[in-house]
Amino acid sequence: MDRSRMCVSTWSLHQSLGPRLLTKRDANGVKQPHQLPHPKTMTLFDFLDGVRPKLDIDNVEICGFHVERREPTYVAQLKAAIARNSLNVVSMPIDAGNISIADPTYREDDLREIEGWMDFAADLGVRYVRANAQSYVARDEVLGPLSVTIDSYGRLCDHAARRGMVMTIENHGGMTVDPDVILAIIAGVGGNRLKVCMDTGNFPPIQSHQMNPVPPTGLDPAPLYRDLAKIAPYTAIIHAKSIWFDGAGNHLVYDLAHTLRLTRDAGFTGPVSIEYGAGVDEWGNCLKTKRLIEGVFA
């Protein structure tokens, strides 16, 4: 596999990098800092310093919620850490705002927040950005019709193009739990503008188990494979979601290699980002995931 295609996401170390730093509107509609808790035993800079010695990988994906601040001093430190490790930042998932919210004032505010993150990503040299179809921290917000989501993605695609980036939609819960909704959004925006960031473990029945370190029993992964196959032809970047391994390095519960072959056989030639999910021996399981990816795309 061309090593320029291999990538590792900060999500793989999410049980070491501290809380997810997000925003959420309060009862008065004012956006406030909002955190989802995770243990913190390292900084983002520690992660960047570890990628080469631990994994021998050139490319990283930095989740926006792992960026502590966007003020000049911190950004300079972040760029220095990227440069001293000779890394490329290939992708940035952006978990901000709600592009499908019915309220047009809130939606405009959220789109501007996402565009600010996109500008930040572009300044780091990012090629792929991902915005969610709806917020996963504000499930109670009233959504507009699908045309609102399509219009919002169209605007974000235009902004991405102006900054030399590709906007993607991910199977990431909410309305995107249905692959046909993803396809309808892509058709509405245009498949030449909006691409898929395919998470190999983020459809039922795997989706609800992916941060559990104990492998579930009795799950039939056939629906996962069926739904991934629908979005595979539109994929620009893969989140190779690994969760459970046995002692020999075999992935358990679902066939991760098969999910990757679905895209390979559909003509996919883009980057593959390691997204280990269960928070146990994170670097070690990233390495197992890397070997599995290399076997599929050899």
Foldseek 3Di string as FASTA:
>chain_A
DPLVQEEAECLLQQLALFWQWAWDADPVRDIDTDTDTHHHPDAPLVVLVVCCVLAVHAEYEYEPSRQPDDDDVSLVVVLVSNVVSNHAHAEYEYQYAAQFFPDPVSNVVGLVVVLVVLVVCLVRVYAEYEYENGHPVCPVGHGDPLVSSLVSLLVVLVSQVVSNHAYEYECADDPSLQLVSVVVSCVSNDLVRYAYAYELQCHPPRNVCQQALDDDPDGDCVVSLVSLLSRLLRHAEYAQEAEYADPVLAGPDDHSLSSVVSNVVSPHDHHYYYNYHHNDPSSVNSNSSVVSVVVNVD
